[in-house]
Amino acid sequence: MGARLGAALRTAWGTAPGLLLATGQVLPISAVHRLARTSTLVRLVMDAEGQVLDMGRKVRLATPAQRRAIFARYATCWIDGCPLP
């Protein structure tokens, strides 16, 4: 059935079904399926000017490696008004 549907769509549209990219190129349906199987979705919210407002995350808190990197980067307190040196 899938092969017949694909052939019918090729005849109707003159090309194989796929994903139309912003560049105007068509990504073949086989590539769309491969990407769907192997990709990870990331939610990205942007405002009208393209400023990223939210990127979502897999974990709630920073990882231990991220914490070590922050502590290594900032030798003192990095929060405004912090009483620590």
PDB file of N, CA and C in Angstrom:
ATOM      1  N   MET A   1       0.824  -1.200   0.000  1.00  0.00           N
ATOM      2  CA  MET A   1       0.000   0.000   0.000  1.00  0.00           C
ATOM      3  C   MET A   1       0.859   1.252   0.000  1.00  0.00           C
ATOM      4  N   GLY A   2       1.931   1.285   0.806  1.00  0.00           N
ATOM      5  CA  GLY A   2       2.793   2.459   0.879  1.00  0.00           C
ATOM      6  C   GLY A   2       3.437   2.777  -0.449  1.00  0.00           C
ATOM      7  N   ALA A   3       3.852   1.750  -1.187  1.00  0.00           N
ATOM      8  CA  ALA A   3       4.481   1.966  -2.488  1.00  0.00           C
ATOM      9  C   ALA A   3       3.479   2.540  -3.480  1.00  0.00           C
ATOM     10  N   ARG A   4       2.233   2.030  -3.438  1.00  0.00           N
ATOM     11  CA  ARG A   4       1.202   2.558  -4.346  1.00  0.00           C
ATOM     12  C   ARG A   4       0.861   3.997  -4.010  1.00  0.00           C
ATOM     13  N   LEU A   5       0.804   4.319  -2.702  1.00  0.00           N
ATOM     14  CA  LEU A   5       0.513   5.688  -2.296  1.00  0.00           C
ATOM     15  C   LEU A   5       1.624   6.619  -2.751  1.00  0.00           C
ATOM     16  N   GLY A   6       2.885   6.197  -2.568  1.00  0.00           N
ATOM     17  CA  GLY A   6       4.020   7.005  -3.012  1.00  0.00           C
ATOM     18  C   GLY A   6       3.984   7.245  -4.511  1.00  0.00           C
ATOM     19  N   ALA A   7       3.667   6.201  -5.284  1.00  0.00           N
ATOM     20  CA  ALA A   7       3.583   6.343  -6.741  1.00  0.00           C
ATOM     21  C   ALA A   7       2.456   7.289  -7.130  1.00  0.00           C
ATOM     22  N   ALA A   8       1.326   7.199  -6.436  1.00  0.00           N
ATOM     23  CA  ALA A   8       0.201   8.092  -6.730  1.00  0.00           C
ATOM     24  C   ALA A   8       0.564   9.539  -6.428  1.00  0.00           C
ATOM     25  N   LEU A   9       1.259   9.761  -5.330  1.00  0.00           N
ATOM     26  CA  LEU A   9       1.664  11.124  -4.983  1.00  0.00           C
ATOM     27  C   LEU A   9       2.697  11.663  -5.958  1.00  0.00           C
ATOM     28  N   ARG A  10       3.632  10.803  -6.413  1.00  0.00           N
ATOM     29  CA  ARG A  10       4.615  11.235  -7.409  1.00  0.00           C
ATOM     30  C   ARG A  10       3.924  11.663  -8.682  1.00  0.00           C
ATOM     31  N   THR A  11       2.902  10.917  -9.070  1.00  0.00           N
ATOM     32  CA  THR A  11       2.161  11.252 -10.285  1.00  0.00           C
ATOM     33  C   THR A  11       1.391  12.549 -10.094  1.00  0.00           C
ATOM     34  N   ALA A  12       0.770  12.712  -8.924  1.00  0.00           N
ATOM     35  CA  ALA A  12      -0.047  13.904  -8.672  1.00  0.00           C
ATOM     36  C   ALA A  12       0.804  15.156  -8.575  1.00  0.00           C
ATOM     37  N   TRP A  13       1.946  15.071  -7.909  1.00  0.00           N
ATOM     38  CA  TRP A  13       2.769  16.272  -7.685  1.00  0.00           C
ATOM     39  C   TRP A  13       3.975  16.347  -8.606  1.00  0.00           C
ATOM     40  N   GLY A  14       4.281  15.275  -9.303  1.00  0.00           N
ATOM     41  CA  GLY A  14       5.428  15.278 -10.189  1.00  0.00           C
ATOM     42  C   GLY A  14       6.744  15.007  -9.465  1.00  0.00           C
ATOM     43  N   THR A  15       6.694  14.671  -8.204  1.00  0.00           N
ATOM     44  CA  THR A  15       7.903  14.367  -7.437  1.00  0.00           C
ATOM     45  C   THR A  15       7.549  13.412  -6.305  1.00  0.00           C
ATOM     46  N   ALA A  16       8.561  12.817  -5.713  1.00  0.00           N
ATOM     47  CA  ALA A  16       8.331  11.935  -4.575  1.00  0.00           C
ATOM     48  C   ALA A  16       7.962  12.765  -3.359  1.00  0.00           C
ATOM     49  N   PRO A  17       7.113  12.233  -2.471  1.00  0.00           N
ATOM     50  CA  PRO A  17       6.771  12.986  -1.269  1.00  0.00           C
ATOM     51  C   PRO A  17       7.990  13.128  -0.375  1.00  0.00           C
ATOM     52  N   GLY A  18       8.045  14.191   0.361  1.00  0.00           N
ATOM     53  CA  GLY A  18       9.158  14.446   1.263  1.00  0.00           C
ATOM     54  C   GLY A  18       8.880  15.713   2.037  1.00  0.00           C
ATOM     55  N   LEU A  19       9.922  16.313   2.532  1.00  0.00           N
ATOM     56  CA  LEU A  19       9.818  17.527   3.313  1.00  0.00           C
ATOM     57  C   LEU A  19      10.398  18.676   2.511  1.00  0.00           C
ATOM     58  N   LEU A  20       9.621  19.730   2.316  1.00  0.00           N
ATOM     59  CA  LEU A  20      10.091  20.898   1.589  1.00  0.00           C
ATOM     60  C   LEU A  20      10.882  21.771   2.546  1.00  0.00           C
ATOM     61  N   LEU A  21      12.157  21.970   2.246  1.00  0.00           N
ATOM     62  CA  LEU A  21      13.027  22.767   3.097  1.00  0.00           C
ATOM     63  C   LEU A  21      12.879  24.255   2.778  1.00  0.00           C
ATOM     64  N   ALA A  22      13.369  25.094   3.665  1.00  0.00           N
ATOM     65  CA  ALA A  22      13.303  26.544   3.458  1.00  0.00           C
ATOM     66  C   ALA A  22      14.111  26.962   2.231  1.00  0.00           C
ATOM     67  N   THR A  23      15.058  26.145   1.814  1.00  0.00           N
ATOM     68  CA  THR A  23      15.885  26.452   0.643  1.00  0.00           C
ATOM     69  C   THR A  23      15.168  26.153  -0.667  1.00  0.00           C
ATOM     70  N   GLY A  24      14.006  25.508  -0.579  1.00  0.00           N
ATOM     71  CA  GLY A  24      13.273  25.125  -1.779  1.00  0.00           C
ATOM     72  C   GLY A  24      13.566  23.707  -2.224  1.00  0.00           C
ATOM     73  N   GLN A  25      14.528  23.052  -1.588  1.00  0.00           N
ATOM     74  CA  GLN A  25      14.845  21.669  -1.919  1.00  0.00           C
ATOM     75  C   GLN A  25      13.880  20.737  -1.208  1.00  0.00           C
ATOM     76  N   VAL A  26      13.684  19.551  -1.782  1.00  0.00           N
ATOM     77  CA  VAL A  26      12.824  18.545  -1.166  1.00  0.00           C
ATOM     78  C   VAL A  26      13.705  17.472  -0.550  1.00  0.00           C
ATOM     79  N   LEU A  27      13.516  17.236   0.736  1.00  0.00           N
ATOM     80  CA  LEU A  27      14.220  16.168   1.437  1.00  0.00           C
ATOM     81  C   LEU A  27      13.427  14.886   1.205  1.00  0.00           C
ATOM     82  N   PRO A  28      14.059  13.844   0.662  1.00  0.00           N
ATOM     83  CA  PRO A  28      13.330  12.603   0.371  1.00  0.00           C
ATOM     84  C   PRO A  28      12.691  12.005   1.626  1.00  0.00           C
ATOM     85  N   ILE A  29      11.587  11.304   1.438  1.00  0.00           N
ATOM     86  CA  ILE A  29      10.853  10.726   2.555  1.00  0.00           C
ATOM     87  C   ILE A  29      11.718   9.740   3.333  1.00  0.00           C
ATOM     88  N   SER A  30      12.629   9.045   2.658  1.00  0.00           N
ATOM     89  CA  SER A  30      13.519   8.116   3.362  1.00  0.00           C
ATOM     90  C   SER A  30      14.422   8.867   4.339  1.00  0.00           C
ATOM     91  N   ALA A  31      14.885  10.051   3.972  1.00  0.00           N
ATOM     92  CA  ALA A  31      15.707  10.866   4.865  1.00  0.00           C
ATOM     93  C   ALA A  31      14.872  11.403   6.026  1.00  0.00           C
ATOM     94  N   VAL A  32      13.610  11.747   5.756  1.00  0.00           N
ATOM     95  CA  VAL A  32      12.716  12.211   6.823  1.00  0.00           C
ATOM     96  C   VAL A  32      12.507  11.094   7.841  1.00  0.00           C
ATOM     97  N   HIS A  33      12.290   9.868   7.365  1.00  0.00           N
ATOM     98  CA  HIS A  33      12.109   8.724   8.261  1.00  0.00           C
ATOM     99  C   HIS A  33      13.370   8.474   9.082  1.00  0.00           C
ATOM    100  N   ARG A  34      14.554   8.540   8.429  1.00  0.00           N
ATOM    101  CA  ARG A  34      15.815   8.317   9.138  1.00  0.00           C
ATOM    102  C   ARG A  34      16.011   9.376  10.214  1.00  0.00           C
ATOM    103  N   LEU A  35      15.736  10.634   9.902  1.00  0.00           N
ATOM    104  CA  LEU A  35      15.874  11.700  10.886  1.00  0.00           C
ATOM    105  C   LEU A  35      14.903  11.519  12.052  1.00  0.00           C
ATOM    106  N   ALA A  36      13.689  11.072  11.752  1.00  0.00           N
ATOM    107  CA  ALA A  36      12.698  10.860  12.809  1.00  0.00           C
ATOM    108  C   ALA A  36      13.132   9.745  13.759  1.00  0.00           C
ATOM    109  N   ARG A  37      13.812   8.734  13.232  1.00  0.00           N
ATOM    110  CA  ARG A  37      14.259   7.628  14.073  1.00  0.00           C
ATOM    111  C   ARG A  37      15.478   7.986  14.912  1.00  0.00           C
ATOM    112  N   THR A  38      16.345   8.843  14.401  1.00  0.00           N
ATOM    113  CA  THR A  38      17.644   9.071  15.041  1.00  0.00           C
ATOM    114  C   THR A  38      17.789  10.439  15.697  1.00  0.00           C
ATOM    115  N   SER A  39      16.808  11.291  15.606  1.00  0.00           N
ATOM    116  CA  SER A  39      16.941  12.653  16.106  1.00  0.00           C
ATOM    117  C   SER A  39      16.328  12.829  17.485  1.00  0.00           C
ATOM    118  N   THR A  40      16.713  13.920  18.111  1.00  0.00           N
ATOM    119  CA  THR A  40      16.135  14.339  19.373  1.00  0.00           C
ATOM    120  C   THR A  40      15.492  15.696  19.156  1.00  0.00           C
ATOM    121  N   LEU A  41      14.256  15.839  19.576  1.00  0.00           N
ATOM    122  CA  LEU A  41      13.572  17.120  19.421  1.00  0.00           C
ATOM    123  C   LEU A  41      13.950  18.051  20.558  1.00  0.00           C
ATOM    124  N   VAL A  42      14.134  19.322  20.221  1.00  0.00           N
ATOM    125  CA  VAL A  42      14.421  20.350  21.206  1.00  0.00           C
ATOM    126  C   VAL A  42      13.438  21.486  20.972  1.00  0.00           C
ATOM    127  N   ARG A  43      12.709  21.836  22.027  1.00  0.00           N
ATOM    128  CA  ARG A  43      11.761  22.945  21.912  1.00  0.00           C
ATOM    129  C   ARG A  43      12.548  24.246  21.936  1.00  0.00           C
ATOM    130  N   LEU A  44      12.257  25.140  20.981  1.00  0.00           N
ATOM    131  CA  LEU A  44      12.938  26.420  20.894  1.00  0.00           C
ATOM    132  C   LEU A  44      11.894  27.497  20.686  1.00  0.00           C
ATOM    133  N   VAL A  45      11.798  28.438  21.626  1.00  0.00           N
ATOM    134  CA  VAL A  45      10.825  29.525  21.540  1.00  0.00           C
ATOM    135  C   VAL A  45      11.594  30.812  21.266  1.00  0.00           C
ATOM    136  N   MET A  46      11.200  31.525  20.189  1.00  0.00           N
ATOM    137  CA  MET A  46      11.862  32.773  19.812  1.00  0.00           C
ATOM    138  C   MET A  46      10.835  33.878  19.700  1.00  0.00           C
ATOM    139  N   ASP A  47      11.274  35.125  19.899  1.00  0.00           N
ATOM    140  CA  ASP A  47      10.372  36.249  19.709  1.00  0.00           C
ATOM    141  C   ASP A  47      10.427  36.687  18.246  1.00  0.00           C
ATOM    142  N   ALA A  48       9.697  37.747  17.904  1.00  0.00           N
ATOM    143  CA  ALA A  48       9.591  38.198  16.515  1.00  0.00           C
ATOM    144  C   ALA A  48      10.937  38.653  15.946  1.00  0.00           C
ATOM    145  N   GLU A  49      11.863  39.093  16.815  1.00  0.00           N
ATOM    146  CA  GLU A  49      13.176  39.549  16.350  1.00  0.00           C
ATOM    147  C   GLU A  49      14.196  38.420  16.256  1.00  0.00           C
ATOM    148  N   GLY A  50      13.804  37.202  16.618  1.00  0.00           N
ATOM    149  CA  GLY A  50      14.710  36.067  16.558  1.00  0.00           C
ATOM    150  C   GLY A  50      15.484  35.822  17.839  1.00  0.00           C
ATOM    151  N   GLN A  51      15.180  36.556  18.900  1.00  0.00           N
ATOM    152  CA  GLN A  51      15.835  36.352  20.190  1.00  0.00           C
ATOM    153  C   GLN A  51      15.303  35.065  20.822  1.00  0.00           C
ATOM    154  N   VAL A  52      16.206  34.197  21.253  1.00  0.00           N
ATOM    155  CA  VAL A  52      15.805  32.942  21.882  1.00  0.00           C
ATOM    156  C   VAL A  52      15.250  33.240  23.270  1.00  0.00           C
ATOM    157  N   LEU A  53      14.016  32.812  23.514  1.00  0.00           N
ATOM    158  CA  LEU A  53      13.369  33.012  24.807  1.00  0.00           C
ATOM    159  C   LEU A  53      13.456  31.774  25.681  1.00  0.00           C
ATOM    160  N   ASP A  54      13.412  30.600  25.067  1.00  0.00           N
ATOM    161  CA  ASP A  54      13.444  29.356  25.826  1.00  0.00           C
ATOM    162  C   ASP A  54      13.914  28.246  24.906  1.00  0.00           C
ATOM    163  N   MET A  55      14.811  27.384  25.400  1.00  0.00           N
ATOM    164  CA  MET A  55      15.308  26.270  24.595  1.00  0.00           C
ATOM    165  C   MET A  55      14.929  24.918  25.159  1.00  0.00           C
ATOM    166  N   GLY A  56      14.174  24.891  26.233  1.00  0.00           N
ATOM    167  CA  GLY A  56      13.834  23.603  26.817  1.00  0.00           C
ATOM    168  C   GLY A  56      15.076  22.949  27.401  1.00  0.00           C
ATOM    169  N   ARG A  57      14.907  21.819  28.019  1.00  0.00           N
ATOM    170  CA  ARG A  57      16.040  21.117  28.612  1.00  0.00           C
ATOM    171  C   ARG A  57      15.636  19.676  28.926  1.00  0.00           C
ATOM    172  N   LYS A  58      16.652  18.818  29.019  1.00  0.00           N
ATOM    173  CA  LYS A  58      16.407  17.412  29.349  1.00  0.00           C
ATOM    174  C   LYS A  58      16.396  17.194  30.848  1.00  0.00           C
ATOM    175  N   VAL A  59      17.194  17.977  31.568  1.00  0.00           N
ATOM    176  CA  VAL A  59      17.271  17.832  33.014  1.00  0.00           C
ATOM    177  C   VAL A  59      16.937  19.164  33.669  1.00  0.00           C
ATOM    178  N   ARG A  60      16.460  19.117  34.902  1.00  0.00           N
ATOM    179  CA  ARG A  60      16.014  20.321  35.591  1.00  0.00           C
ATOM    180  C   ARG A  60      17.171  21.166  36.093  1.00  0.00           C
ATOM    181  N   LEU A  61      18.197  20.524  36.639  1.00  0.00           N
ATOM    182  CA  LEU A  61      19.306  21.246  37.258  1.00  0.00           C
ATOM    183  C   LEU A  61      20.582  21.088  36.437  1.00  0.00           C
ATOM    184  N   ALA A  62      21.555  21.924  36.736  1.00  0.00           N
ATOM    185  CA  ALA A  62      22.848  21.835  36.061  1.00  0.00           C
ATOM    186  C   ALA A  62      23.526  20.521  36.421  1.00  0.00           C
ATOM    187  N   THR A  63      24.288  20.002  35.474  1.00  0.00           N
ATOM    188  CA  THR A  63      25.027  18.774  35.725  1.00  0.00           C
ATOM    189  C   THR A  63      26.242  19.096  36.598  1.00  0.00           C
ATOM    190  N   PRO A  64      26.833  18.098  37.228  1.00  0.00           N
ATOM    191  CA  PRO A  64      28.052  18.350  38.015  1.00  0.00           C
ATOM    192  C   PRO A  64      29.163  18.996  37.182  1.00  0.00           C
ATOM    193  N   ALA A  65      29.328  18.581  35.937  1.00  0.00           N
ATOM    194  CA  ALA A  65      30.360  19.175  35.074  1.00  0.00           C
ATOM    195  C   ALA A  65      30.059  20.656  34.805  1.00  0.00           C
ATOM    196  N   GLN A  66      28.786  21.004  34.602  1.00  0.00           N
ATOM    197  CA  GLN A  66      28.428  22.410  34.391  1.00  0.00           C
ATOM    198  C   GLN A  66      28.689  23.227  35.648  1.00  0.00           C
ATOM    199  N   ARG A  67      28.415  22.664  36.805  1.00  0.00           N
ATOM    200  CA  ARG A  67      28.681  23.368  38.069  1.00  0.00           C
ATOM    201  C   ARG A  67      30.176  23.625  38.244  1.00  0.00           C
ATOM    202  N   ARG A  68      31.004  22.614  37.956  1.00  0.00           N
ATOM    203  CA  ARG A  68      32.458  22.800  38.066  1.00  0.00           C
ATOM    204  C   ARG A  68      32.937  23.882  37.108  1.00  0.00           C
ATOM    205  N   ALA A  69      32.384  23.927  35.903  1.00  0.00           N
ATOM    206  CA  ALA A  69      32.786  24.937  34.921  1.00  0.00           C
ATOM    207  C   ALA A  69      32.434  26.340  35.413  1.00  0.00           C
ATOM    208  N   ILE A  70      31.258  26.517  36.000  1.00  0.00           N
ATOM    209  CA  ILE A  70      30.859  27.834  36.529  1.00  0.00           C
ATOM    210  C   ILE A  70      31.776  28.246  37.675  1.00  0.00           C
ATOM    211  N   PHE A  71      32.049  27.322  38.588  1.00  0.00           N
ATOM    212  CA  PHE A  71      32.915  27.648  39.720  1.00  0.00           C
ATOM    213  C   PHE A  71      34.332  27.964  39.248  1.00  0.00           C
ATOM    214  N   ALA A  72      34.800  27.285  38.208  1.00  0.00           N
ATOM    215  CA  ALA A  72      36.139  27.560  37.678  1.00  0.00           C
ATOM    216  C   ALA A  72      36.185  28.913  36.969  1.00  0.00           C
ATOM    217  N   ARG A  73      35.106  29.293  36.310  1.00  0.00           N
ATOM    218  CA  ARG A  73      35.078  30.555  35.564  1.00  0.00           C
ATOM    219  C   ARG A  73      34.997  31.756  36.493  1.00  0.00           C
ATOM    220  N   TYR A  74      34.208  31.659  37.534  1.00  0.00           N
ATOM    221  CA  TYR A  74      34.001  32.779  38.450  1.00  0.00           C
ATOM    222  C   TYR A  74      34.679  32.465  39.782  1.00  0.00           C
ATOM    223  N   ALA A  75      35.795  33.135  40.062  1.00  0.00           N
ATOM    224  CA  ALA A  75      36.522  32.884  41.303  1.00  0.00           C
ATOM    225  C   ALA A  75      35.812  33.516  42.502  1.00  0.00           C
ATOM    226  N   THR A  76      34.947  34.488  42.239  1.00  0.00           N
ATOM    227  CA  THR A  76      34.203  35.150  43.311  1.00  0.00           C
ATOM    228  C   THR A  76      32.717  35.025  43.017  1.00  0.00           C
ATOM    229  N   CYS A  77      31.918  35.581  43.887  1.00  0.00           N
ATOM    230  CA  CYS A  77      30.467  35.545  43.695  1.00  0.00           C
ATOM    231  C   CYS A  77      30.102  36.345  42.447  1.00  0.00           C
ATOM    232  N   TRP A  78      29.223  35.828  41.615  1.00  0.00           N
ATOM    233  CA  TRP A  78      28.859  36.480  40.363  1.00  0.00           C
ATOM    234  C   TRP A  78      27.464  37.102  40.394  1.00  0.00           C
ATOM    235  N   ILE A  79      26.828  37.070  41.546  1.00  0.00           N
ATOM    236  CA  ILE A  79      25.479  37.630  41.678  1.00  0.00           C
ATOM    237  C   ILE A  79      25.587  39.049  42.232  1.00  0.00           C
ATOM    238  N   ASP A  80      24.924  40.018  41.593  1.00  0.00           N
ATOM    239  CA  ASP A  80      24.958  41.406  42.052  1.00  0.00           C
ATOM    240  C   ASP A  80      24.452  41.505  43.473  1.00  0.00           C
ATOM    241  N   GLY A  81      25.180  42.241  44.321  1.00  0.00           N
ATOM    242  CA  GLY A  81      24.765  42.444  45.699  1.00  0.00           C
ATOM    243  C   GLY A  81      25.118  41.297  46.635  1.00  0.00           C
ATOM    244  N   CYS A  82      25.844  40.332  46.172  1.00  0.00           N
ATOM    245  CA  CYS A  82      26.220  39.181  47.003  1.00  0.00           C
ATOM    246  C   CYS A  82      27.229  39.660  48.067  1.00  0.00           C
ATOM    247  N   PRO A  83      27.052  39.287  49.347  1.00  0.00           N
ATOM    248  CA  PRO A  83      27.961  39.740  50.397  1.00  0.00           C
ATOM    249  C   PRO A  83      29.301  38.975  50.404  1.00  0.00           C
ATOM    250  N   LEU A  84      29.407  37.891  49.658  1.00  0.00           N
ATOM    251  CA  LEU A  84      30.663  37.133  49.625  1.00  0.00           C
ATOM    252  C   LEU A  84      31.682  37.843  48.760  1.00  0.00           C
ATOM    253  N   PRO A  85      32.975  37.632  49.027  1.00  0.00           N
ATOM    254  CA  PRO A  85      34.014  38.276  48.196  1.00  0.00           C
ATOM    255  C   PRO A  85      33.989  37.758  46.775  1.00  0.00           C
TER     256      PRO A  85
END
